[in-house]
């Protein structure tokens, strides 16, 4: 089973995760990190497992949804970079952040979907 994790579990990430859970039931395990634990708690009904950091999401998951506000990406990138998971797929929904910027922040030639 594929593992989909979100770094940032606000409104947009929640909608994506809920849609994936509804349309592709049984195909994914869901994980997430958000500094506001109320946001990950709100996704427990889709089976989301809350993790303690973005770094942990990157280590555990096959696909990492980067769903933080663009102004907070540099902070989120620190944990993702520390994980060093080069063979994962990073999916960004951040407005105005290019794939090249994400690769630079991660420090490696990541597989990026925007």
Protein backbone atom coordinates (compact mmCIF):
# COMPACT_ATOMS: atom_id res chain seq x y z
CA UNK A 1 0.00 0.00 0.00
CA UNK A 2 1.31 3.46 -0.89
CA UNK A 3 1.98 5.96 1.86
CA UNK A 4 0.85 9.55 1.30
CA UNK A 5 1.97 12.15 3.80
CA UNK A 6 1.23 15.84 4.14
CA UNK A 7 3.47 18.48 5.59
CA UNK A 8 0.86 21.04 6.53
CA UNK A 9 -2.69 19.79 7.11
CA UNK A 10 -4.75 22.93 6.57
CA UNK A 11 -7.83 23.35 4.40
CA UNK A 12 -6.26 22.57 1.03
CA UNK A 13 -4.32 19.52 2.23
CA UNK A 14 -7.38 18.26 4.10
CA UNK A 15 -9.50 18.50 0.96
CA UNK A 16 -6.89 16.60 -1.08
CA UNK A 17 -6.44 13.89 1.56
CA UNK A 18 -10.19 13.48 2.08
CA UNK A 19 -10.71 13.24 -1.68
CA UNK A 20 -7.96 10.62 -2.01
CA UNK A 21 -9.45 8.64 0.88
CA UNK A 22 -12.89 8.74 -0.72
CA UNK A 23 -11.93 8.07 -4.35
CA UNK A 24 -9.03 5.68 -3.78
CA UNK A 25 -10.08 3.87 -0.63
CA UNK A 26 -7.69 1.11 0.35
CA UNK A 27 -4.89 2.30 -1.92
CA UNK A 28 -3.17 4.66 0.52
CA UNK A 29 -2.11 4.93 4.11
CA UNK A 30 -2.28 8.56 5.23
CA UNK A 31 0.23 10.42 7.40
CA UNK A 32 0.60 14.06 8.28
CA UNK A 33 2.37 16.70 10.25
CA UNK A 34 1.13 20.12 11.27
CA UNK A 35 2.31 22.18 14.23
CA UNK A 36 -1.39 22.65 15.07
CA UNK A 37 -2.34 19.14 16.22
CA UNK A 38 -6.05 20.02 15.90
CA UNK A 39 -5.54 19.87 12.13
CA UNK A 40 -4.13 16.36 12.14
CA UNK A 41 -6.72 15.28 14.73
CA UNK A 42 -9.46 16.46 12.35
CA UNK A 43 -8.19 13.95 9.77
CA UNK A 44 -8.25 10.93 12.06
CA UNK A 45 -11.57 9.88 10.52
CA UNK A 46 -9.77 9.05 7.24
CA UNK A 47 -7.18 7.05 9.15
CA UNK A 48 -4.46 9.69 9.11
CA UNK A 49 -1.57 8.94 11.43
CA UNK A 50 -0.15 12.13 12.93
CA UNK A 51 3.65 12.35 12.88
CA UNK A 52 5.94 14.60 14.88
CA UNK A 53 7.73 16.43 12.04
CA UNK A 54 8.03 16.99 8.32
CA UNK A 55 11.26 15.03 8.45
CA UNK A 56 9.37 12.02 9.79
CA UNK A 57 6.75 12.37 7.02
CA UNK A 58 9.51 12.28 4.40
CA UNK A 59 11.11 9.22 5.97
CA UNK A 60 7.85 7.25 6.27
CA UNK A 61 5.96 8.16 3.09
CA UNK A 62 6.33 7.43 -0.62
CA UNK A 63 4.59 10.66 -1.64
CA UNK A 64 4.98 13.90 0.30
CA UNK A 65 2.39 16.62 -0.17
CA UNK A 66 3.99 19.97 0.66
CA UNK A 67 1.01 22.03 1.74
CA UNK A 68 2.42 24.85 3.81
CA UNK A 69 1.91 28.53 3.09
CA UNK A 70 4.71 29.68 0.76
CA UNK A 71 6.14 32.02 3.39
CA UNK A 72 6.68 29.03 5.72
CA UNK A 73 8.31 26.77 3.14
CA UNK A 74 11.89 27.59 4.14
CA UNK A 75 11.14 26.32 7.67
CA UNK A 76 9.41 23.18 6.35
CA UNK A 77 12.27 22.54 3.93
CA UNK A 78 14.73 22.20 6.81
CA UNK A 79 13.06 18.99 8.00
CA UNK A 80 12.54 17.65 4.50
CA UNK A 81 16.17 18.31 3.65
CA UNK A 82 17.33 16.63 6.87
CA UNK A 83 15.41 13.49 5.91
CA UNK A 84 17.48 13.30 2.72
CA UNK A 85 14.88 11.15 0.99
CA UNK A 86 15.91 11.54 -2.63
CA UNK A 87 13.77 8.75 -4.10
CA UNK A 88 10.44 10.09 -2.87
CA UNK A 89 7.94 12.13 -4.87
CA UNK A 90 7.29 15.64 -3.56
CA UNK A 91 3.95 17.18 -4.53
CA UNK A 92 3.67 20.92 -4.01
CA UNK A 93 0.49 22.97 -3.81
CA UNK A 94 2.36 26.12 -2.77
CA UNK A 95 1.53 29.13 -4.93
CA UNK A 96 4.51 30.85 -6.49
CA UNK A 97 7.16 28.31 -5.44
CA UNK A 98 8.86 26.73 -8.45
CA UNK A 99 10.16 23.21 -8.75
CA UNK A 100 13.67 24.64 -9.04
CA UNK A 101 13.19 26.53 -5.75
CA UNK A 102 12.00 23.37 -4.02
CA UNK A 103 14.95 21.36 -5.31
CA UNK A 104 17.34 24.08 -4.16
CA UNK A 105 15.76 24.19 -0.69
CA UNK A 106 15.88 20.40 -0.38
CA UNK A 107 19.49 20.28 -1.54
CA UNK A 108 19.02 17.49 -4.05
CA UNK A 109 17.44 16.76 -7.43
CA UNK A 110 14.06 15.72 -6.05
CA UNK A 111 11.14 14.37 -8.06
CA UNK A 112 8.72 17.31 -7.92
CA UNK A 113 5.09 17.57 -9.02
CA UNK A 114 3.53 21.01 -9.02
